[in-house]
């Protein structure tokens, strides 16, 4: 099975052991693509939903991946410790709002849904456990906004009830849904929205990056052996 391993930031990709020494085999639309391991194509597609969607569509259509695994750091709306792993159960897009014409907040037109599913999240937790890593399960909210403590953060928490918030996964989930490609997402807690000093915490997320980099490639290799 061919897997696309998608990050947002180069720093997330470079947390993979040996990634800094890899040479891109091709660059498409400004995105370098790497062979992280046999049958595993990796990229850092960029921050935000449009960048994420572009990279995911390239993985689906140009490289014909059978699954996309999105890995990255994310802000936490609860008190999970920094570096905690979370397997996404589903994604919502908190910045989509056509409620003025009667739609539910978060409804994405064309696909006409609020929640975007992931592939067998409970199974992914089991695979991580087999690798010696505990992971929580929960919803992740995506939007083009670096989430900080604010009325908006409270709205996201109380409307969608996510564990985490970030800027890419919901877009990748939407692309995968439309391409009928299974999607897995594993996030590492980098900062906490409702703590003092959140911004400083975000810029000191080396621990979260290290934990993520150590596990994501073995997880992708384990997923290659799964039956879709």
Protein backbone atom coordinates (compact mmCIF):
# COMPACT_ATOMS: atom_id res chain seq x y z
CA UNK A 1 0.00 0.00 0.00
CA UNK A 2 1.29 3.45 -0.94
CA UNK A 3 0.94 6.06 1.79
CA UNK A 4 1.17 9.83 1.61
CA UNK A 5 2.65 11.27 4.80
CA UNK A 6 1.61 14.91 4.95
CA UNK A 7 2.93 17.58 7.30
CA UNK A 8 2.36 21.33 7.26
CA UNK A 9 5.69 22.78 8.41
CA UNK A 10 9.16 21.65 7.35
CA UNK A 11 10.08 21.46 11.04
CA UNK A 12 7.43 18.77 11.50
CA UNK A 13 8.76 16.78 8.53
CA UNK A 14 12.36 17.21 9.69
CA UNK A 15 11.44 15.65 13.04
CA UNK A 16 11.41 12.30 11.22
CA UNK A 17 14.71 10.52 11.89
CA UNK A 18 16.98 11.13 8.90
CA UNK A 19 14.56 13.48 7.13
CA UNK A 20 17.02 16.38 6.96
CA UNK A 21 19.30 14.26 4.77
CA UNK A 22 16.57 13.28 2.30
CA UNK A 23 16.57 14.82 -1.17
CA UNK A 24 13.27 15.64 -2.88
CA UNK A 25 12.60 13.45 -5.89
CA UNK A 26 10.17 15.98 -7.36
CA UNK A 27 8.68 19.40 -6.65
CA UNK A 28 5.09 20.04 -7.72
CA UNK A 29 3.37 23.42 -7.34
CA UNK A 30 6.20 24.50 -5.07
CA UNK A 31 5.88 21.47 -2.77
CA UNK A 32 8.91 19.13 -2.52
CA UNK A 33 8.08 15.43 -2.27
CA UNK A 34 10.35 12.85 -0.64
CA UNK A 35 10.48 9.07 -0.35
CA UNK A 36 10.54 8.68 3.42
CA UNK A 37 10.56 4.87 3.17
CA UNK A 38 9.56 2.31 0.54
CA UNK A 39 5.99 3.13 -0.50
CA UNK A 40 5.78 6.22 1.74
CA UNK A 41 5.82 9.65 0.05
CA UNK A 42 6.27 12.56 2.45
CA UNK A 43 5.80 16.30 2.08
CA UNK A 44 5.42 19.50 4.06
CA UNK A 45 2.59 21.06 2.11
CA UNK A 46 2.41 24.37 3.96
CA UNK A 47 0.33 25.98 6.66
CA UNK A 48 -3.42 26.62 6.21
CA UNK A 49 -6.29 24.91 4.46
CA UNK A 50 -5.55 25.88 0.84
CA UNK A 51 -1.93 24.73 1.06
CA UNK A 52 -3.00 21.51 2.75
CA UNK A 53 -5.69 20.80 0.18
CA UNK A 54 -3.30 21.38 -2.73
CA UNK A 55 -0.71 18.98 -1.35
CA UNK A 56 -3.34 16.35 -0.54
CA UNK A 57 -4.78 16.55 -4.05
CA UNK A 58 -1.31 16.05 -5.53
CA UNK A 59 -0.78 13.00 -3.33
CA UNK A 60 -4.13 11.58 -4.43
CA UNK A 61 -4.08 12.34 -8.16
CA UNK A 62 -0.41 12.51 -9.19
CA UNK A 63 1.06 9.89 -6.87
CA UNK A 64 -2.01 7.70 -6.44
CA UNK A 65 -1.63 7.09 -2.72
CA UNK A 66 -3.94 4.59 -1.08
CA UNK A 67 -4.05 6.50 2.20
CA UNK A 68 -2.98 9.88 3.56
CA UNK A 69 -1.56 10.17 7.07
CA UNK A 70 -1.48 13.74 8.37
CA UNK A 71 0.87 14.40 11.27
CA UNK A 72 1.60 17.65 13.04
CA UNK A 73 1.38 19.70 16.18
CA UNK A 74 -1.87 21.24 17.41
CA UNK A 75 -3.26 23.48 20.10
CA UNK A 76 -5.17 21.85 22.92
CA UNK A 77 -8.50 23.02 24.34
CA UNK A 78 -8.21 20.74 27.37
CA UNK A 79 -5.31 19.92 29.70
CA UNK A 80 -3.62 17.05 27.88
CA UNK A 81 0.11 17.33 28.59
CA UNK A 82 2.40 18.80 25.98
CA UNK A 83 3.59 16.04 23.66
CA UNK A 84 0.44 13.94 24.14
CA UNK A 85 -0.59 12.12 20.98
CA UNK A 86 -4.15 12.39 19.70
CA UNK A 87 -5.66 10.28 16.94
CA UNK A 88 -8.39 12.30 15.26
CA UNK A 89 -11.82 10.68 15.30
CA UNK A 90 -13.16 13.29 12.91
CA UNK A 91 -12.59 16.87 11.73
CA UNK A 92 -14.73 19.98 11.60
CA UNK A 93 -13.95 23.30 9.91
CA UNK A 94 -14.71 25.96 12.49
CA UNK A 95 -14.30 28.90 10.10
CA UNK A 96 -17.00 27.81 7.65
CA UNK A 97 -20.21 29.65 8.47
CA UNK A 98 -23.23 30.01 6.19
CA UNK A 99 -25.65 30.06 9.10
CA UNK A 100 -27.05 33.37 7.79
CA UNK A 101 -28.89 31.34 5.12
CA UNK A 102 -30.03 28.66 7.53
CA UNK A 103 -27.15 26.17 7.46
CA UNK A 104 -25.61 24.67 10.59
CA UNK A 105 -22.35 26.35 11.58
CA UNK A 106 -19.50 24.38 10.05
CA UNK A 107 -21.50 22.93 7.15
CA UNK A 108 -19.25 22.62 4.11
CA UNK A 109 -21.20 23.04 0.89
CA UNK A 110 -20.84 20.67 -2.09
CA UNK A 111 -20.20 17.76 0.28
CA UNK A 112 -22.93 19.09 2.61
CA UNK A 113 -21.52 17.86 5.87
CA UNK A 114 -20.05 19.22 9.09
CA UNK A 115 -18.05 16.22 10.27
CA UNK A 116 -15.30 14.67 8.16
CA UNK A 117 -14.40 11.11 9.12
CA UNK A 118 -11.05 9.42 9.57
CA UNK A 119 -10.12 5.80 8.90
CA UNK A 120 -10.62 3.41 11.84
CA UNK A 121 -9.30 5.68 14.60
CA UNK A 122 -9.63 2.99 17.25
CA UNK A 123 -7.43 0.70 15.15
CA UNK A 124 -4.85 3.47 14.84
CA UNK A 125 -4.77 3.79 18.63
CA UNK A 126 -4.14 0.03 18.81
CA UNK A 127 -1.28 0.29 16.31
CA UNK A 128 0.29 3.10 18.32
CA UNK A 129 -0.07 1.04 21.50
CA UNK A 130 1.76 -1.80 19.77
CA UNK A 131 4.55 0.70 19.10
CA UNK A 132 4.64 1.55 22.79
CA UNK A 133 2.80 4.87 22.53
CA UNK A 134 -0.48 5.79 24.20
CA UNK A 135 -2.83 8.07 22.27
CA UNK A 136 -6.11 9.78 23.05
CA UNK A 137 -9.06 9.85 20.67
CA UNK A 138 -10.92 13.03 19.88
CA UNK A 139 -12.33 15.54 17.45
CA UNK A 140 -10.04 18.12 15.83
CA UNK A 141 -11.20 21.54 14.63
CA UNK A 142 -9.51 23.13 11.62
CA UNK A 143 -9.49 26.76 10.49
CA UNK A 144 -7.29 29.45 9.02
CA UNK A 145 -6.59 31.01 12.39
CA UNK A 146 -3.79 30.50 14.91
CA UNK A 147 -6.04 29.80 17.86
CA UNK A 148 -5.47 31.79 21.03
CA UNK A 149 -7.52 32.37 24.17
CA UNK A 150 -10.41 34.57 23.07
CA UNK A 151 -14.17 34.64 22.60
CA UNK A 152 -13.61 32.80 19.32
CA UNK A 153 -11.74 30.00 21.06
CA UNK A 154 -14.59 29.67 23.54
CA UNK A 155 -17.05 29.55 20.62
CA UNK A 156 -15.07 26.76 18.94
CA UNK A 157 -14.84 24.79 22.18
CA UNK A 158 -18.53 25.11 23.04
CA UNK A 159 -19.88 24.64 19.49
CA UNK A 160 -17.78 21.74 18.20
CA UNK A 161 -16.30 20.21 21.40
CA UNK A 162 -12.88 19.37 19.94
CA UNK A 163 -9.82 18.24 21.86
CA UNK A 164 -7.50 20.09 19.50
CA UNK A 165 -7.46 22.87 16.95
CA UNK A 166 -5.08 23.34 14.02
CA UNK A 167 -4.99 24.70 10.45
CA UNK A 168 -4.80 21.80 7.96
CA UNK A 169 -6.43 18.49 8.85
CA UNK A 170 -10.02 19.36 8.00
CA UNK A 171 -8.99 20.38 4.49
CA UNK A 172 -7.06 17.15 3.95
CA UNK A 173 -10.03 15.18 5.27
CA UNK A 174 -12.29 16.92 2.75
CA UNK A 175 -9.93 16.16 -0.15
CA UNK A 176 -9.64 12.53 0.92
CA UNK A 177 -13.41 12.18 1.20
CA UNK A 178 -13.93 13.48 -2.33
CA UNK A 179 -11.18 11.22 -3.71
CA UNK A 180 -12.33 8.17 -1.73
CA UNK A 181 -8.90 7.89 -0.09
CA UNK A 182 -8.75 6.74 3.56
CA UNK A 183 -7.42 9.39 5.93
CA UNK A 184 -5.59 9.09 9.25
CA UNK A 185 -4.43 12.00 11.42
CA UNK A 186 -2.12 11.95 14.43
CA UNK A 187 -1.44 15.18 16.30
CA UNK A 188 0.92 16.09 19.11
CA UNK A 189 -0.09 18.72 21.66
CA UNK A 190 2.18 21.76 21.28
CA UNK A 191 0.33 24.43 23.28
CA UNK A 192 -2.80 25.12 25.32
CA UNK A 193 -5.30 27.79 24.30
CA UNK A 194 -6.50 28.64 27.78
CA UNK A 195 -3.14 28.84 29.54
CA UNK A 196 -1.07 31.91 30.24
CA UNK A 197 1.99 32.09 28.00
CA UNK A 198 0.45 30.05 25.21
CA UNK A 199 2.45 31.72 22.44
CA UNK A 200 5.74 31.09 24.23
CA UNK A 201 4.65 27.50 24.78
CA UNK A 202 4.00 27.08 21.04
CA UNK A 203 7.47 28.29 20.09
CA UNK A 204 9.01 25.83 22.54
CA UNK A 205 7.37 22.68 21.21
CA UNK A 206 10.56 20.65 20.59
CA UNK A 207 9.26 17.94 22.93
CA UNK A 208 6.02 17.63 20.98
CA UNK A 209 7.93 17.50 17.68
CA UNK A 210 10.35 14.87 18.96
CA UNK A 211 7.55 12.61 20.18
CA UNK A 212 5.68 12.93 16.91
CA UNK A 213 8.71 12.35 14.71
CA UNK A 214 9.66 9.20 16.59
CA UNK A 215 6.34 7.48 16.03
CA UNK A 216 4.76 8.69 12.79
CA UNK A 217 6.91 6.75 10.32
CA UNK A 218 6.59 3.45 12.22
CA UNK A 219 2.83 4.08 12.32
CA UNK A 220 2.73 4.65 8.56
CA UNK A 221 4.71 1.46 8.02
CA UNK A 222 2.28 -0.44 10.26
CA UNK A 223 -0.65 0.99 8.30
CA UNK A 224 0.88 -0.32 5.07
CA UNK A 225 0.12 -3.83 6.34
CA UNK A 226 -3.52 -3.10 7.11
CA UNK A 227 -6.46 -4.14 4.94
CA UNK A 228 -8.49 -1.12 3.87
